[in-house]
C-alpha atoms as a PDB file:
ATOM      1  CA  UNK A   1      -0.192   0.039  -0.021  1.00  0.00           C
ATOM      2  CA  UNK A   2       2.920   2.254   0.587  1.00  0.00           C
ATOM      3  CA  UNK A   3       3.717   2.215  -3.250  1.00  0.00           C
ATOM      4  CA  UNK A   4       0.371   2.956  -4.315  1.00  0.00           C
ATOM      5  CA  UNK A   5       0.391   5.922  -1.974  1.00  0.00           C
ATOM      6  CA  UNK A   6       3.065   6.929  -3.632  1.00  0.00           C
ATOM      7  CA  UNK A   7       2.348   6.465  -6.814  1.00  0.00           C
ATOM      8  CA  UNK A   8      -1.360   8.132  -6.399  1.00  0.00           C
ATOM      9  CA  UNK A   9       0.898  11.260  -4.585  1.00  0.00           C
ATOM     10  CA  UNK A  10       3.502  11.641  -8.041  1.00  0.00           C
ATOM     11  CA  UNK A  11       0.626  11.275 -10.031  1.00  0.00           C
ATOM     12  CA  UNK A  12      -1.436  13.860  -8.188  1.00  0.00           C
ATOM     13  CA  UNK A  13       2.305  16.346  -7.768  1.00  0.00           C
ATOM     14  CA  UNK A  14       2.324  15.576 -11.909  1.00  0.00           C
ATOM     15  CA  UNK A  15      -1.055  16.620 -12.486  1.00  0.00           C
ATOM     16  CA  UNK A  16      -0.736  19.780 -10.584  1.00  0.00           C
ATOM     17  CA  UNK A  17       2.279  20.358 -11.615  1.00  0.00           C
ATOM     18  CA  UNK A  18       1.292  19.739 -15.239  1.00  0.00           C
ATOM     19  CA  UNK A  19      -2.157  22.156 -14.624  1.00  0.00           C
ATOM     20  CA  UNK A  20       0.123  24.987 -13.242  1.00  0.00           C
ATOM     21  CA  UNK A  21       2.954  24.548 -16.205  1.00  0.00           C
ATOM     22  CA  UNK A  22       0.246  24.617 -18.720  1.00  0.00           C
ATOM     23  CA  UNK A  23      -1.361  27.747 -17.371  1.00  0.00           C
ATOM     24  CA  UNK A  24       2.165  29.368 -17.596  1.00  0.00           C
ATOM     25  CA  UNK A  25       3.198  28.729 -20.498  1.00  0.00           C
ATOM     26  CA  UNK A  26      -0.349  29.965 -21.723  1.00  0.00           C
ATOM     27  CA  UNK A  27      -0.232  33.166 -19.927  1.00  0.00           C
ATOM     28  CA  UNK A  28       3.841  33.453 -21.218  1.00  0.00           C
ATOM     29  CA  UNK A  29       2.733  32.688 -24.937  1.00  0.00           C
ATOM     30  CA  UNK A  30      -0.161  35.354 -24.726  1.00  0.00           C
ATOM     31  CA  UNK A  31       2.007  37.898 -23.582  1.00  0.00           C
ATOM     32  CA  UNK A  32       4.626  37.035 -26.055  1.00  0.00           C
ATOM     33  CA  UNK A  33       1.663  37.137 -28.815  1.00  0.00           C
ATOM     34  CA  UNK A  34       0.958  40.889 -27.137  1.00  0.00           C
ATOM     35  CA  UNK A  35       4.367  42.245 -26.981  1.00  0.00           C
ATOM     36  CA  UNK A  36       4.503  41.111 -30.969  1.00  0.00           C
ATOM     37  CA  UNK A  37       1.083  42.615 -31.654  1.00  0.00           C
ATOM     38  CA  UNK A  38       2.921  46.143 -29.577  1.00  0.00           C
ATOM     39  CA  UNK A  39       6.531  45.502 -31.629  1.00  0.00           C
ATOM     40  CA  UNK A  40       4.299  45.313 -35.013  1.00  0.00           C
ATOM     41  CA  UNK A  41       1.845  48.037 -34.490  1.00  0.00           C
ATOM     42  CA  UNK A  42       4.917  50.183 -33.054  1.00  0.00           C
ATOM     43  CA  UNK A  43       7.208  49.345 -36.475  1.00  0.00           C
ATOM     44  CA  UNK A  44       3.807  50.355 -38.780  1.00  0.00           C
ATOM     45  CA  UNK A  45       3.557  53.480 -36.841  1.00  0.00           C
ATOM     46  CA  UNK A  46       7.219  54.700 -36.707  1.00  0.00           C
ATOM     47  CA  UNK A  47       7.385  53.779 -40.904  1.00  0.00           C
ATOM     48  CA  UNK A  48       3.802  55.580 -41.429  1.00  0.00           C
ATOM     49  CA  UNK A  49       5.963  58.752 -39.333  1.00  0.00           C
ATOM     50  CA  UNK A  50       9.158  58.160 -41.697  1.00  0.00           C
ATOM     51  CA  UNK A  51       7.167  57.891 -45.069  1.00  0.00           C
ATOM     52  CA  UNK A  52       5.547  61.016 -44.249  1.00  0.00           C
ATOM     53  CA  UNK A  53       8.642  62.567 -42.942  1.00  0.00           C
ATOM     54  CA  UNK A  54      10.053  61.336 -46.413  1.00  0.00           C
ATOM     55  CA  UNK A  55       7.194  62.851 -48.438  1.00  0.00           C
ATOM     56  CA  UNK A  56       7.428  66.408 -46.597  1.00  0.00           C
ATOM     57  CA  UNK A  57      11.874  66.408 -47.376  1.00  0.00           C
ATOM     58  CA  UNK A  58      10.993  65.935 -50.862  1.00  0.00           C
ATOM     59  CA  UNK A  59       8.742  68.139 -51.442  1.00  0.00           C
ATOM     60  CA  UNK A  60      11.000  70.604 -49.486  1.00  0.00           C
ATOM     61  CA  UNK A  61      14.105  69.632 -51.877  1.00  0.00           C
ATOM     62  CA  UNK A  62      11.873  70.422 -54.905  1.00  0.00           C
ATOM     63  CA  UNK A  63      10.780  74.162 -53.100  1.00  0.00           C
ATOM     64  CA  UNK A  64      14.336  74.844 -52.599  1.00  0.00           C
ATOM     65  CA  UNK A  65      15.543  73.226 -56.189  1.00  0.00           C
ATOM     66  CA  UNK A  66      12.884  76.024 -57.433  1.00  0.00           C
ATOM     67  CA  UNK A  67      14.411  78.295 -55.280  1.00  0.00           C
ATOM     68  CA  UNK A  68      17.978  77.632 -56.706  1.00  0.00           C
ATOM     69  CA  UNK A  69      16.982  78.094 -59.551  1.00  0.00           C
ATOM     70  CA  UNK A  70      14.788  80.984 -59.626  1.00  0.00           C
ATOM     71  CA  UNK A  71      18.212  82.713 -57.889  1.00  0.00           C
ATOM     72  CA  UNK A  72      20.520  81.156 -60.579  1.00  0.00           C
ATOM     73  CA  UNK A  73      18.169  83.104 -63.078  1.00  0.00           C
ATOM     74  CA  UNK A  74      18.419  86.190 -60.574  1.00  0.00           C
ATOM     75  CA  UNK A  75      21.710  86.024 -60.701  1.00  0.00           C
ATOM     76  CA  UNK A  76      22.608  85.889 -64.534  1.00  0.00           C
ATOM     77  CA  UNK A  77      20.443  88.786 -64.959  1.00  0.00           C
ATOM     78  CA  UNK A  78      22.388  91.092 -62.335  1.00  0.00           C
ATOM     79  CA  UNK A  79      25.473  89.898 -64.234  1.00  0.00           C
ATOM     80  CA  UNK A  80      24.506  90.790 -67.222  1.00  0.00           C
ATOM     81  CA  UNK A  81      23.084  94.148 -66.325  1.00  0.00           C
ATOM     82  CA  UNK A  82      26.634  94.656 -63.795  1.00  0.00           C
ATOM     83  CA  UNK A  83      28.823  93.970 -67.591  1.00  0.00           C
ATOM     84  CA  UNK A  84      26.367  96.462 -69.657  1.00  0.00           C
ATOM     85  CA  UNK A  85      26.598  99.175 -66.834  1.00  0.00           C
ATOM     86  CA  UNK A  86      30.390  98.953 -66.463  1.00  0.00           C
ATOM     87  CA  UNK A  87      31.079  98.846 -70.475  1.00  0.00           C
ATOM     88  CA  UNK A  88      28.178 102.556 -70.364  1.00  0.00           C
ATOM     89  CA  UNK A  89      30.844 103.848 -67.370  1.00  0.00           C
ATOM     90  CA  UNK A  90      33.691 103.112 -69.494  1.00  0.00           C
ATOM     91  CA  UNK A  91      32.603 104.911 -72.352  1.00  0.00           C
ATOM     92  CA  UNK A  92      31.356 107.923 -70.164  1.00  0.00           C
ATOM     93  CA  UNK A  93      34.994 107.976 -68.570  1.00  0.00           C
ATOM     94  CA  UNK A  94      36.650 107.787 -71.579  1.00  0.00           C
ATOM     95  CA  UNK A  95      34.069 110.492 -72.854  1.00  0.00           C
ATOM     96  CA  UNK A  96      34.803 112.777 -70.255  1.00  0.00           C
ATOM     97  CA  UNK A  97      38.459 112.352 -70.249  1.00  0.00           C
ATOM     98  CA  UNK A  98      38.366 113.494 -74.535  1.00  0.00           C
ATOM     99  CA  UNK A  99      35.970 116.603 -73.989  1.00  0.00           C
ATOM    100  CA  UNK A 100      38.127 119.209 -73.634  1.00  0.00           C
ATOM    101  CA  UNK A 101      37.956 121.419 -70.631  1.00  0.00           C
ATOM    102  CA  UNK A 102      36.011 124.655 -71.370  1.00  0.00           C
ATOM    103  CA  UNK A 103      36.270 127.234 -69.018  1.00  0.00           C
ATOM    104  CA  UNK A 104      33.414 128.728 -67.350  1.00  0.00           C
ATOM    105  CA  UNK A 105      32.059 132.272 -67.870  1.00  0.00           C
ATOM    106  CA  UNK A 106      30.631 133.953 -64.493  1.00  0.00           C
END
């Protein structure tokens, strides 16, 4: 009878321990699944934010490119104007130097 009592006791402990272990692993699996879902949703949110930032950066880059092209055009216009004014200034200087000085009457 001693042998049967030990067998029953060991069986009862095994069943209780098995049920506890099953609950433990079940809870662990649920937590792991929740963590994976959280990470998945977090990654989706981050990817969405990064895509939005990428789109805004591309738009800003296009705007800056247009501004650079406009400024380049304006600088080219100013160079032409400065060159023209420089030539006209040289013409005026040579005309003034060549013109004889007249005495002013008082």
